[in-house]
């Protein structure tokens, strides 16, 4: 299950702050959301919001504008078409955009502000392949990083490879994506000459 091995951590906010990542957190500042042993501190000032991620051995800081904070909040709304809990949505976004460490990205992924339109485009593309909403949910739980991948350079390019080089399409494609959705994010084919990108390599196919 997605995030089953992630220890629970505490998301807290400075008193008086108006910016929120979650309505659940807004109603209860001590809501636990399992962000992989990282403590996020959202501090609002008159000009900007500082988002500090504290983890063992490193304390990176990301400065978010008010617009960026709104994008983070809006990105959760794109999941409304799926039956996912708030916690599941946060875990997906966390792994896809660098709030939660994911071995898929290899080195520590830089925190990226989600783009609502890009996420929606990915969902539209997946359903356009004949996948149902339930299918997409299964893919998100197995491969949450998919919403952080490039639609054009990864998802579409890899589907073309599967169709043209492997003749995989239709029901066979659906079965493959449900079984191994990570194929959507492959970016290299080392052909046995390791490039140290094993989690994103076609050799795993």
C-alpha atoms as a PDB file:
ATOM      1  CA  UNK A   1       0.000   0.000   0.000  1.00  0.00           C
ATOM      2  CA  UNK A   2       1.219   3.460  -0.853  1.00  0.00           C
ATOM      3  CA  UNK A   3       3.241   4.934   1.940  1.00  0.00           C
ATOM      4  CA  UNK A   4       2.773   1.930   4.219  1.00  0.00           C
ATOM      5  CA  UNK A   5       6.425   2.131   5.224  1.00  0.00           C
ATOM      6  CA  UNK A   6       6.470   5.888   5.724  1.00  0.00           C
ATOM      7  CA  UNK A   7       6.655   6.903   9.384  1.00  0.00           C
ATOM      8  CA  UNK A   8       4.134   9.481  10.521  1.00  0.00           C
ATOM      9  CA  UNK A   9       5.337  13.056  10.998  1.00  0.00           C
ATOM     10  CA  UNK A  10       3.798  16.278  12.145  1.00  0.00           C
ATOM     11  CA  UNK A  11       2.866  19.142   9.856  1.00  0.00           C
ATOM     12  CA  UNK A  12       2.741  22.360  11.850  1.00  0.00           C
ATOM     13  CA  UNK A  13       2.199  26.026  11.117  1.00  0.00           C
ATOM     14  CA  UNK A  14       3.204  29.240  12.823  1.00  0.00           C
ATOM     15  CA  UNK A  15       0.345  30.877  14.759  1.00  0.00           C
ATOM     16  CA  UNK A  16      -1.683  33.285  12.655  1.00  0.00           C
ATOM     17  CA  UNK A  17      -0.602  31.956   9.273  1.00  0.00           C
ATOM     18  CA  UNK A  18      -3.339  31.977   6.656  1.00  0.00           C
ATOM     19  CA  UNK A  19      -1.722  29.661   4.086  1.00  0.00           C
ATOM     20  CA  UNK A  20      -2.707  25.996   4.238  1.00  0.00           C
ATOM     21  CA  UNK A  21      -1.829  22.850   2.306  1.00  0.00           C
ATOM     22  CA  UNK A  22      -4.899  21.005   3.486  1.00  0.00           C
ATOM     23  CA  UNK A  23      -8.304  21.771   4.920  1.00  0.00           C
ATOM     24  CA  UNK A  24      -7.678  18.910   7.339  1.00  0.00           C
ATOM     25  CA  UNK A  25      -4.505  20.549   8.570  1.00  0.00           C
ATOM     26  CA  UNK A  26      -6.271  23.904   8.789  1.00  0.00           C
ATOM     27  CA  UNK A  27      -8.845  22.507  11.159  1.00  0.00           C
ATOM     28  CA  UNK A  28      -6.228  20.683  13.197  1.00  0.00           C
ATOM     29  CA  UNK A  29      -2.651  22.064  13.136  1.00  0.00           C
ATOM     30  CA  UNK A  30      -1.289  18.790  14.520  1.00  0.00           C
ATOM     31  CA  UNK A  31      -2.657  16.560  11.793  1.00  0.00           C
ATOM     32  CA  UNK A  32      -0.322  13.641  11.055  1.00  0.00           C
ATOM     33  CA  UNK A  33       0.227  13.010   7.328  1.00  0.00           C
ATOM     34  CA  UNK A  34       3.164  10.580   6.983  1.00  0.00           C
ATOM     35  CA  UNK A  35       5.705  12.700   5.073  1.00  0.00           C
ATOM     36  CA  UNK A  36       8.610  10.239   5.402  1.00  0.00           C
ATOM     37  CA  UNK A  37      10.119  11.539   8.634  1.00  0.00           C
ATOM     38  CA  UNK A  38      10.259  15.102   7.318  1.00  0.00           C
ATOM     39  CA  UNK A  39       8.849  18.049   9.214  1.00  0.00           C
ATOM     40  CA  UNK A  40       7.408  20.793   7.066  1.00  0.00           C
ATOM     41  CA  UNK A  41       7.106  24.279   8.479  1.00  0.00           C
ATOM     42  CA  UNK A  42       5.053  26.806   6.546  1.00  0.00           C
ATOM     43  CA  UNK A  43       5.699  30.360   7.721  1.00  0.00           C
ATOM     44  CA  UNK A  44       3.867  33.252   6.134  1.00  0.00           C
ATOM     45  CA  UNK A  45       5.274  36.777   6.056  1.00  0.00           C
ATOM     46  CA  UNK A  46       3.882  39.857   4.361  1.00  0.00           C
ATOM     47  CA  UNK A  47       5.901  39.255   1.185  1.00  0.00           C
ATOM     48  CA  UNK A  48       6.497  35.513   0.907  1.00  0.00           C
ATOM     49  CA  UNK A  49       6.136  32.117   2.481  1.00  0.00           C
ATOM     50  CA  UNK A  50       9.112  30.052   3.589  1.00  0.00           C
ATOM     51  CA  UNK A  51       8.735  26.341   3.326  1.00  0.00           C
ATOM     52  CA  UNK A  52      11.370  24.536   5.387  1.00  0.00           C
ATOM     53  CA  UNK A  53      11.824  20.807   5.108  1.00  0.00           C
ATOM     54  CA  UNK A  54      13.768  19.346   8.020  1.00  0.00           C
ATOM     55  CA  UNK A  55      15.324  15.908   7.564  1.00  0.00           C
ATOM     56  CA  UNK A  56      18.191  14.010   9.084  1.00  0.00           C
ATOM     57  CA  UNK A  57      21.490  15.401   7.854  1.00  0.00           C
ATOM     58  CA  UNK A  58      20.083  18.275   5.828  1.00  0.00           C
ATOM     59  CA  UNK A  59      17.827  21.297   6.235  1.00  0.00           C
ATOM     60  CA  UNK A  60      17.019  22.651   2.759  1.00  0.00           C
ATOM     61  CA  UNK A  61      14.844  25.724   2.538  1.00  0.00           C
ATOM     62  CA  UNK A  62      12.464  26.626  -0.231  1.00  0.00           C
ATOM     63  CA  UNK A  63      10.964  30.069  -0.504  1.00  0.00           C
ATOM     64  CA  UNK A  64       7.487  30.036  -1.999  1.00  0.00           C
ATOM     65  CA  UNK A  65       5.578  33.026  -3.266  1.00  0.00           C
ATOM     66  CA  UNK A  66       1.911  33.378  -2.457  1.00  0.00           C
ATOM     67  CA  UNK A  67       1.185  32.207  -5.998  1.00  0.00           C
ATOM     68  CA  UNK A  68       3.253  29.047  -5.451  1.00  0.00           C
ATOM     69  CA  UNK A  69       1.390  28.273  -2.233  1.00  0.00           C
ATOM     70  CA  UNK A  70      -1.889  28.593  -4.117  1.00  0.00           C
ATOM     71  CA  UNK A  71      -0.575  26.170  -6.746  1.00  0.00           C
ATOM     72  CA  UNK A  72       0.208  23.596  -4.062  1.00  0.00           C
ATOM     73  CA  UNK A  73      -3.297  23.950  -2.678  1.00  0.00           C
ATOM     74  CA  UNK A  74      -4.916  23.838  -6.122  1.00  0.00           C
ATOM     75  CA  UNK A  75      -2.949  20.752  -7.148  1.00  0.00           C
ATOM     76  CA  UNK A  76      -4.871  18.712  -4.596  1.00  0.00           C
ATOM     77  CA  UNK A  77      -8.144  19.646  -6.253  1.00  0.00           C
ATOM     78  CA  UNK A  78      -7.187  17.808  -9.433  1.00  0.00           C
ATOM     79  CA  UNK A  79      -7.714  14.511  -7.584  1.00  0.00           C
ATOM     80  CA  UNK A  80     -11.429  15.254  -7.114  1.00  0.00           C
ATOM     81  CA  UNK A  81     -12.331  12.913  -9.974  1.00  0.00           C
ATOM     82  CA  UNK A  82     -10.790  10.006  -8.069  1.00  0.00           C
ATOM     83  CA  UNK A  83     -11.771   8.375  -4.809  1.00  0.00           C
ATOM     84  CA  UNK A  84      -8.591   9.163  -2.900  1.00  0.00           C
ATOM     85  CA  UNK A  85      -8.292  10.297   0.675  1.00  0.00           C
ATOM     86  CA  UNK A  86      -6.596  13.574   1.554  1.00  0.00           C
ATOM     87  CA  UNK A  87      -3.682  11.606   2.988  1.00  0.00           C
ATOM     88  CA  UNK A  88      -3.296   9.609  -0.232  1.00  0.00           C
ATOM     89  CA  UNK A  89      -3.355  12.797  -2.298  1.00  0.00           C
ATOM     90  CA  UNK A  90      -0.643  14.348  -0.121  1.00  0.00           C
ATOM     91  CA  UNK A  91       1.528  11.241  -0.380  1.00  0.00           C
ATOM     92  CA  UNK A  92       1.223  11.183  -4.177  1.00  0.00           C
ATOM     93  CA  UNK A  93       2.132  14.861  -4.485  1.00  0.00           C
ATOM     94  CA  UNK A  94       4.922  14.475  -1.941  1.00  0.00           C
ATOM     95  CA  UNK A  95       6.625  11.647  -3.822  1.00  0.00           C
ATOM     96  CA  UNK A  96       6.052  13.207  -7.228  1.00  0.00           C
ATOM     97  CA  UNK A  97       7.348  16.668  -6.385  1.00  0.00           C
ATOM     98  CA  UNK A  98      10.101  16.139  -3.842  1.00  0.00           C
ATOM     99  CA  UNK A  99       8.506  16.531  -0.413  1.00  0.00           C
ATOM    100  CA  UNK A 100       8.939  12.822   0.257  1.00  0.00           C
ATOM    101  CA  UNK A 101      12.071  10.936  -0.746  1.00  0.00           C
ATOM    102  CA  UNK A 102      11.490   8.432  -3.544  1.00  0.00           C
ATOM    103  CA  UNK A 103      14.148   5.995  -4.805  1.00  0.00           C
ATOM    104  CA  UNK A 104      12.611   6.383  -8.261  1.00  0.00           C
ATOM    105  CA  UNK A 105      14.227   9.791  -8.742  1.00  0.00           C
ATOM    106  CA  UNK A 106      17.660   8.496  -7.733  1.00  0.00           C
ATOM    107  CA  UNK A 107      19.336  11.476  -6.110  1.00  0.00           C
ATOM    108  CA  UNK A 108      17.268  13.662  -3.830  1.00  0.00           C
ATOM    109  CA  UNK A 109      14.682  15.386  -6.005  1.00  0.00           C
ATOM    110  CA  UNK A 110      14.497  19.150  -5.763  1.00  0.00           C
ATOM    111  CA  UNK A 111      11.124  20.347  -4.482  1.00  0.00           C
ATOM    112  CA  UNK A 112       9.018  21.389  -7.456  1.00  0.00           C
ATOM    113  CA  UNK A 113       5.779  23.365  -7.285  1.00  0.00           C
ATOM    114  CA  UNK A 114       3.034  21.245  -8.903  1.00  0.00           C
ATOM    115  CA  UNK A 115       1.326  22.586 -11.995  1.00  0.00           C
ATOM    116  CA  UNK A 116      -2.409  21.894 -11.915  1.00  0.00           C
ATOM    117  CA  UNK A 117      -2.821  21.968 -15.692  1.00  0.00           C
ATOM    118  CA  UNK A 118       0.065  19.551 -16.251  1.00  0.00           C
ATOM    119  CA  UNK A 119      -1.338  17.083 -13.727  1.00  0.00           C
ATOM    120  CA  UNK A 120      -4.779  17.332 -15.321  1.00  0.00           C
ATOM    121  CA  UNK A 121      -3.218  16.728 -18.742  1.00  0.00           C
ATOM    122  CA  UNK A 122      -1.546  13.554 -17.449  1.00  0.00           C
ATOM    123  CA  UNK A 123      -4.846  12.278 -16.034  1.00  0.00           C
ATOM    124  CA  UNK A 124      -6.641  13.092 -19.292  1.00  0.00           C
ATOM    125  CA  UNK A 125      -3.954  11.268 -21.267  1.00  0.00           C
ATOM    126  CA  UNK A 126      -4.157   8.159 -19.081  1.00  0.00           C
ATOM    127  CA  UNK A 127      -7.941   7.968 -19.307  1.00  0.00           C
ATOM    128  CA  UNK A 128      -7.616   8.606 -23.044  1.00  0.00           C
ATOM    129  CA  UNK A 129      -5.647   5.365 -23.257  1.00  0.00           C
ATOM    130  CA  UNK A 130      -8.773   3.537 -22.170  1.00  0.00           C
ATOM    131  CA  UNK A 131      -7.974   3.430 -18.472  1.00  0.00           C
ATOM    132  CA  UNK A 132     -10.865   3.868 -16.069  1.00  0.00           C
ATOM    133  CA  UNK A 133     -10.684   6.089 -12.989  1.00  0.00           C
ATOM    134  CA  UNK A 134     -10.201   2.949 -10.889  1.00  0.00           C
ATOM    135  CA  UNK A 135      -7.301   1.963 -13.149  1.00  0.00           C
ATOM    136  CA  UNK A 136      -5.677   5.372 -12.714  1.00  0.00           C
ATOM    137  CA  UNK A 137      -6.049   5.108  -8.940  1.00  0.00           C
ATOM    138  CA  UNK A 138      -4.218   1.771  -9.017  1.00  0.00           C
ATOM    139  CA  UNK A 139      -1.437   3.337 -11.101  1.00  0.00           C
ATOM    140  CA  UNK A 140      -1.153   6.314  -8.730  1.00  0.00           C
ATOM    141  CA  UNK A 141      -0.844   4.019  -5.725  1.00  0.00           C
ATOM    142  CA  UNK A 142       1.831   1.896  -7.408  1.00  0.00           C
ATOM    143  CA  UNK A 143       3.640   4.750  -9.123  1.00  0.00           C
ATOM    144  CA  UNK A 144       2.748   8.123  -7.538  1.00  0.00           C
ATOM    145  CA  UNK A 145       5.739   9.726  -9.232  1.00  0.00           C
ATOM    146  CA  UNK A 146       3.880   9.560 -12.554  1.00  0.00           C
ATOM    147  CA  UNK A 147       2.258  12.954 -11.932  1.00  0.00           C
ATOM    148  CA  UNK A 148       5.740  14.452 -11.690  1.00  0.00           C
ATOM    149  CA  UNK A 149       6.883  12.998 -15.008  1.00  0.00           C
ATOM    150  CA  UNK A 150       6.898  14.793 -18.356  1.00  0.00           C
ATOM    151  CA  UNK A 151       3.781  14.084 -20.388  1.00  0.00           C
ATOM    152  CA  UNK A 152       5.463  14.656 -23.751  1.00  0.00           C
ATOM    153  CA  UNK A 153       9.002  13.404 -23.121  1.00  0.00           C
ATOM    154  CA  UNK A 154       8.176  10.427 -20.936  1.00  0.00           C
ATOM    155  CA  UNK A 155       4.561   9.232 -20.905  1.00  0.00           C
ATOM    156  CA  UNK A 156       3.727   9.797 -24.577  1.00  0.00           C
ATOM    157  CA  UNK A 157       7.200   8.818 -25.772  1.00  0.00           C
ATOM    158  CA  UNK A 158       7.117   5.569 -23.802  1.00  0.00           C
ATOM    159  CA  UNK A 159       3.621   4.652 -24.966  1.00  0.00           C
ATOM    160  CA  UNK A 160       4.842   5.090 -28.547  1.00  0.00           C
ATOM    161  CA  UNK A 161       7.783   2.787 -27.839  1.00  0.00           C
ATOM    162  CA  UNK A 162       5.447   0.161 -26.385  1.00  0.00           C
ATOM    163  CA  UNK A 163       3.098   0.384 -29.355  1.00  0.00           C
ATOM    164  CA  UNK A 164       5.619   0.655 -32.206  1.00  0.00           C
ATOM    165  CA  UNK A 165       8.524  -1.452 -30.951  1.00  0.00           C
ATOM    166  CA  UNK A 166       6.648  -3.999 -28.877  1.00  0.00           C
ATOM    167  CA  UNK A 167       3.221  -3.996 -30.491  1.00  0.00           C
ATOM    168  CA  UNK A 168       1.593  -3.465 -27.121  1.00  0.00           C
ATOM    169  CA  UNK A 169      -1.715  -1.612 -27.255  1.00  0.00           C
ATOM    170  CA  UNK A 170      -5.358  -1.839 -26.241  1.00  0.00           C
ATOM    171  CA  UNK A 171      -6.170  -4.326 -23.498  1.00  0.00           C
ATOM    172  CA  UNK A 172      -2.605  -5.617 -23.440  1.00  0.00           C
ATOM    173  CA  UNK A 173      -1.337  -2.085 -22.820  1.00  0.00           C
ATOM    174  CA  UNK A 174      -3.857  -1.603 -20.028  1.00  0.00           C
ATOM    175  CA  UNK A 175      -2.772  -4.838 -18.354  1.00  0.00           C
ATOM    176  CA  UNK A 176       0.889  -3.838 -18.629  1.00  0.00           C
ATOM    177  CA  UNK A 177       0.325  -0.387 -17.128  1.00  0.00           C
ATOM    178  CA  UNK A 178      -1.605  -1.841 -14.215  1.00  0.00           C
ATOM    179  CA  UNK A 179       1.116  -4.409 -13.611  1.00  0.00           C
ATOM    180  CA  UNK A 180       4.144  -2.166 -14.179  1.00  0.00           C
ATOM    181  CA  UNK A 181       3.160   1.527 -14.360  1.00  0.00           C
ATOM    182  CA  UNK A 182       6.793   2.600 -13.888  1.00  0.00           C
ATOM    183  CA  UNK A 183       7.294   1.931 -17.588  1.00  0.00           C
ATOM    184  CA  UNK A 184       5.613   5.301 -18.117  1.00  0.00           C
ATOM    185  CA  UNK A 185       8.621   7.016 -16.571  1.00  0.00           C
ATOM    186  CA  UNK A 186      11.540   5.178 -18.174  1.00  0.00           C
ATOM    187  CA  UNK A 187      14.065   7.581 -19.692  1.00  0.00           C
ATOM    188  CA  UNK A 188      17.130   5.486 -20.592  1.00  0.00           C
ATOM    189  CA  UNK A 189      18.043   2.108 -22.067  1.00  0.00           C
ATOM    190  CA  UNK A 190      21.513   1.173 -20.889  1.00  0.00           C
ATOM    191  CA  UNK A 191      21.455  -2.116 -22.838  1.00  0.00           C
ATOM    192  CA  UNK A 192      23.562  -3.697 -20.100  1.00  0.00           C
ATOM    193  CA  UNK A 193      26.042  -0.815 -19.824  1.00  0.00           C
ATOM    194  CA  UNK A 194      24.774   0.582 -16.527  1.00  0.00           C
ATOM    195  CA  UNK A 195      24.120   4.332 -16.407  1.00  0.00           C
ATOM    196  CA  UNK A 196      23.170   4.345 -12.695  1.00  0.00           C
ATOM    197  CA  UNK A 197      19.556   5.174 -13.529  1.00  0.00           C
ATOM    198  CA  UNK A 198      18.247   1.699 -12.833  1.00  0.00           C
ATOM    199  CA  UNK A 199      14.833   2.773 -11.512  1.00  0.00           C
ATOM    200  CA  UNK A 200      14.174   4.623 -14.779  1.00  0.00           C
ATOM    201  CA  UNK A 201      15.755   2.215 -17.250  1.00  0.00           C
ATOM    202  CA  UNK A 202      14.145   0.046 -19.919  1.00  0.00           C
ATOM    203  CA  UNK A 203      16.360  -2.833 -18.858  1.00  0.00           C
ATOM    204  CA  UNK A 204      13.799  -3.436 -16.097  1.00  0.00           C
ATOM    205  CA  UNK A 205      11.062  -3.977 -18.678  1.00  0.00           C
END
